[in-house]
Amino acid sequence: YGIFYEFIPMSDFHTNKPRTYWIDEVELNTEYAVIISTNAGLWRYSLGDTISFTSKNPFRFKITGRTSSFINAFGEELMVGNAEEAIVEAQKICDCEVSEFTAAPVYLDEKNKGRHQWAIEFNSPPKSLSHFEEVLDQELQNRNSDYEAKRKANLALERLEIVSCSNGTFYKWLKSKKKLGGQNKIPKLCNDRKILEEILEINRNE
């Protein structure tokens, strides 16, 4: 009661002046950040969650991730919902089981184009990591048209790369940050490499 909801498309969320939409303006299958304020507009607050509407009559939505967990280094606008759905399908196709994952961009340089690098801990690894990379990359394209456009003919992005981590790597990272238990989770996607590099360093020392 007394709370007003607005929605910002995640494609605009990190811009200087993002446009907000009212409930009657939202579109289906578009990821939005949820903004709440009082009816009088005394304060405004981002919940930090991202949602996607699945129905407008009645209004129904699913929670797809967090506003802080995304990769948009090359205009690909990859969100956690895309990544998790792609992982689920890739596991089915490759008959494997993922325990934990996180991903971050590898920025382009003089010799190489950009790409995404994934650190994945498997409960049951795929027979071929290269095939799993190929399948996961395609599943991401199937779910994200911006990622697909950047991947077309390796225009801006090369195929993603996966580093298979030893069992317990992600646990050790959480322990090192004193984040064991409760609601603490490793971010699935990051637009910078800080967390990924820390996890890769732990894995190298195994």
Protein backbone atom coordinates (compact mmCIF):
# COMPACT_ATOMS: atom_id res chain seq x y z
CA TYR A 1 0.00 0.00 0.00
CA GLY A 2 1.39 3.39 -0.99
CA ILE A 3 4.17 1.83 -3.09
CA PHE A 4 4.54 2.73 -6.77
CA TYR A 5 6.37 0.38 -9.13
CA GLU A 6 8.34 1.38 -12.22
CA PHE A 7 10.48 -0.65 -14.58
CA ILE A 8 13.71 0.12 -16.44
CA PRO A 9 14.81 -2.09 -19.36
CA MET A 10 18.18 -3.60 -18.52
CA SER A 11 19.46 -2.35 -21.88
CA ASP A 12 19.10 1.19 -20.43
CA PHE A 13 19.69 0.56 -16.74
CA HIS A 14 23.37 1.47 -16.68
CA THR A 15 23.02 4.57 -18.87
CA ASN A 16 23.07 8.10 -17.44
CA LYS A 17 19.38 8.82 -17.94
CA PRO A 18 17.45 5.55 -18.25
CA ARG A 19 13.78 5.78 -19.14
CA THR A 20 11.34 4.25 -16.68
CA TYR A 21 8.14 2.48 -17.72
CA TRP A 22 4.85 2.08 -15.91
CA ILE A 23 3.20 -1.30 -15.61
CA ASP A 24 0.92 -0.70 -18.61
CA GLU A 25 3.94 0.07 -20.82
CA VAL A 26 6.01 -3.06 -20.23
CA GLU A 27 6.64 -5.62 -22.96
CA LEU A 28 6.76 -9.38 -22.67
CA ASN A 29 10.08 -11.24 -22.51
CA THR A 30 12.09 -8.07 -21.83
CA GLU A 31 14.31 -7.89 -18.77
CA TYR A 32 13.54 -5.00 -16.42
CA ALA A 33 15.05 -3.63 -13.24
CA VAL A 34 12.37 -3.04 -10.60
CA ILE A 35 12.16 0.47 -9.13
CA ILE A 36 9.91 1.32 -6.20
CA SER A 37 8.88 4.72 -4.84
CA THR A 38 6.15 6.27 -2.74
CA ASN A 39 3.04 7.58 -4.45
CA ALA A 40 4.20 11.08 -3.56
CA GLY A 41 7.64 10.42 -5.01
CA LEU A 42 9.51 11.23 -1.80
CA TRP A 43 12.06 8.48 -2.44
CA ARG A 44 13.00 6.02 -5.14
CA TYR A 45 14.84 2.74 -4.78
CA SER A 46 16.11 -0.06 -7.02
CA LEU A 47 15.32 -3.49 -5.57
CA GLY A 48 18.33 -4.97 -7.35
CA ASP A 49 16.25 -7.72 -8.97
CA THR A 50 15.60 -8.19 -12.68
CA ILE A 51 12.30 -9.57 -13.93
CA SER A 52 10.71 -10.55 -17.22
CA PHE A 53 6.95 -10.40 -17.80
CA THR A 54 5.41 -13.62 -19.11
CA SER A 55 1.81 -12.35 -19.23
CA LYS A 56 0.07 -8.96 -19.25
CA ASN A 57 -3.49 -10.12 -18.64
CA PRO A 58 -3.15 -10.84 -15.81
CA PHE A 59 0.33 -9.52 -15.15
CA ARG A 60 2.76 -12.33 -14.41
CA PHE A 61 6.54 -12.25 -14.28
CA LYS A 62 9.56 -14.34 -13.39
CA ILE A 63 12.65 -13.19 -11.50
CA THR A 64 15.61 -13.50 -13.86
CA GLY A 65 18.59 -12.24 -11.88
CA ARG A 66 20.24 -9.22 -10.30
CA THR A 67 20.98 -5.81 -11.78
CA SER A 68 24.61 -6.18 -10.69
CA SER A 69 25.08 -9.55 -12.41
CA PHE A 70 25.48 -9.16 -16.17
CA ILE A 71 28.03 -8.94 -18.99
CA ASN A 72 27.77 -6.07 -21.44
CA ALA A 73 31.39 -5.45 -22.41
CA PHE A 74 30.65 -5.65 -26.14
CA GLY A 75 26.96 -4.70 -26.32
CA GLU A 76 25.83 -8.31 -25.82
CA GLU A 77 23.66 -7.56 -22.75
CA LEU A 78 23.97 -11.06 -21.32
CA MET A 79 21.87 -11.56 -18.17
CA VAL A 80 21.84 -14.33 -15.60
CA GLY A 81 18.54 -15.73 -16.88
CA ASN A 82 20.08 -16.33 -20.31
CA ALA A 83 23.15 -17.95 -18.79
CA GLU A 84 21.28 -20.26 -16.44
CA GLU A 85 18.86 -21.45 -19.13
CA ALA A 86 21.75 -22.09 -21.52
CA ILE A 87 23.67 -24.03 -18.86
CA VAL A 88 20.63 -26.23 -18.14
CA GLU A 89 20.19 -27.10 -21.81
CA ALA A 90 23.91 -27.65 -22.41
CA GLN A 91 24.01 -30.10 -19.50
CA LYS A 92 21.19 -32.11 -21.06
CA ILE A 93 22.83 -32.21 -24.48
CA CYS A 94 26.30 -33.07 -23.19
CA ASP A 95 25.17 -35.41 -20.40
CA CYS A 96 27.04 -33.61 -17.63
CA GLU A 97 26.27 -31.77 -14.40
CA VAL A 98 27.44 -28.27 -13.46
CA SER A 99 27.92 -27.49 -9.79
CA GLU A 100 28.97 -23.82 -9.93
CA PHE A 101 29.88 -21.27 -12.58
CA THR A 102 30.84 -17.67 -13.06
CA ALA A 103 31.77 -15.76 -16.20
CA ALA A 104 33.41 -12.48 -17.20
CA PRO A 105 34.63 -10.83 -20.39
CA VAL A 106 38.07 -11.15 -21.92
CA TYR A 107 38.69 -7.80 -23.53
CA LEU A 108 40.00 -7.45 -27.05
CA ASP A 109 43.62 -6.56 -27.67
CA GLU A 110 45.91 -6.11 -30.67
CA LYS A 111 45.88 -9.83 -31.47
CA ASN A 112 42.53 -11.17 -30.30
CA LYS A 113 38.88 -10.26 -30.37
CA GLY A 114 36.87 -10.27 -27.18
CA ARG A 115 35.17 -13.31 -25.71
CA HIS A 116 33.57 -14.58 -22.54
CA GLN A 117 35.55 -16.75 -20.17
CA TRP A 118 33.69 -19.13 -17.88
CA ALA A 119 34.98 -20.86 -14.75
CA ILE A 120 32.89 -23.98 -14.18
CA GLU A 121 33.00 -26.61 -11.47
CA PHE A 122 31.43 -29.90 -12.59
CA ASN A 123 29.84 -32.61 -10.47
CA SER A 124 30.00 -34.77 -13.58
CA PRO A 125 32.20 -33.39 -16.39
CA PRO A 126 31.35 -33.61 -20.10
CA LYS A 127 33.23 -36.09 -22.27
CA SER A 128 34.53 -33.21 -24.36
CA LEU A 129 35.00 -29.75 -22.86
CA SER A 130 35.38 -28.27 -26.34
CA HIS A 131 32.01 -29.70 -27.38
CA PHE A 132 30.43 -28.33 -24.21
CA GLU A 133 31.87 -24.90 -25.05
CA GLU A 134 30.37 -25.10 -28.53
CA VAL A 135 26.95 -26.18 -27.24
CA LEU A 136 26.84 -23.58 -24.47
CA ASP A 137 27.86 -20.84 -26.89
CA GLN A 138 25.05 -21.83 -29.28
CA GLU A 139 22.49 -22.03 -26.47
CA LEU A 140 23.41 -18.49 -25.41
CA GLN A 141 22.90 -17.32 -28.98
CA ASN A 142 19.52 -19.05 -29.08
CA ARG A 143 18.39 -17.06 -26.03
CA ASN A 144 20.02 -13.69 -26.58
CA SER A 145 19.80 -11.95 -29.95
CA ASP A 146 22.41 -9.35 -28.96
CA TYR A 147 24.93 -12.05 -28.10
CA GLU A 148 24.06 -13.82 -31.35
CA ALA A 149 24.66 -10.63 -33.34
CA LYS A 150 28.08 -10.09 -31.76
CA ARG A 151 29.02 -13.72 -32.36
CA LYS A 152 27.98 -13.73 -36.02
CA ALA A 153 31.09 -14.49 -38.08
CA ASN A 154 33.08 -13.68 -34.91
CA LEU A 155 32.21 -10.03 -35.58
CA ALA A 156 32.91 -8.74 -32.08
CA LEU A 157 33.07 -11.90 -29.98
CA GLU A 158 34.89 -15.16 -30.41
CA ARG A 159 33.46 -18.40 -29.04
CA LEU A 160 33.40 -18.54 -25.27
CA GLU A 161 36.16 -20.29 -23.34
CA ILE A 162 35.64 -22.57 -20.33
CA VAL A 163 38.12 -23.26 -17.54
CA SER A 164 37.17 -26.47 -15.73
CA CYS A 165 37.85 -25.94 -12.03
CA SER A 166 38.79 -28.49 -9.39
CA ASN A 167 36.10 -29.55 -6.93
CA GLY A 168 35.96 -27.15 -4.01
CA THR A 169 37.35 -24.13 -5.87
CA PHE A 170 34.21 -22.05 -5.48
CA TYR A 171 33.84 -23.09 -1.83
CA LYS A 172 37.39 -21.90 -1.16
CA TRP A 173 36.63 -18.54 -2.77
CA LEU A 174 33.56 -18.08 -0.55
CA LYS A 175 35.60 -19.11 2.49
CA SER A 176 38.33 -16.62 1.60
CA LYS A 177 35.70 -13.87 1.57
CA LYS A 178 34.10 -15.10 4.81
CA LYS A 179 30.86 -15.67 2.93
CA LEU A 180 30.07 -19.26 3.82
CA GLY A 181 26.46 -20.12 4.64
CA GLY A 182 23.31 -18.05 4.54
CA GLN A 183 22.34 -16.35 1.31
CA ASN A 184 25.90 -15.79 0.10
CA LYS A 185 26.39 -16.80 -3.51
CA ILE A 186 29.06 -16.29 -6.11
CA PRO A 187 27.90 -13.85 -8.81
CA LYS A 188 27.12 -15.78 -11.99
CA LEU A 189 28.11 -12.97 -14.35
CA CYS A 190 30.41 -9.98 -13.84
CA ASN A 191 31.24 -7.15 -16.20
CA ASP A 192 34.79 -7.03 -14.84
CA ARG A 193 37.31 -9.79 -14.19
CA LYS A 194 38.06 -9.30 -10.46
CA ILE A 195 36.06 -12.24 -9.09
CA LEU A 196 36.87 -14.54 -12.00
CA GLU A 197 40.60 -13.87 -11.65
CA GLU A 198 40.45 -14.68 -7.93
CA ILE A 199 38.69 -17.97 -8.65
CA LEU A 200 41.13 -18.87 -11.43
CA GLU A 201 44.04 -18.15 -9.08
CA ILE A 202 42.62 -20.54 -6.48
CA ASN A 203 42.16 -23.16 -9.19
CA ARG A 204 45.75 -22.75 -10.42
CA ASN A 205 47.02 -23.39 -6.90
CA GLU A 206 45.11 -26.65 -6.51
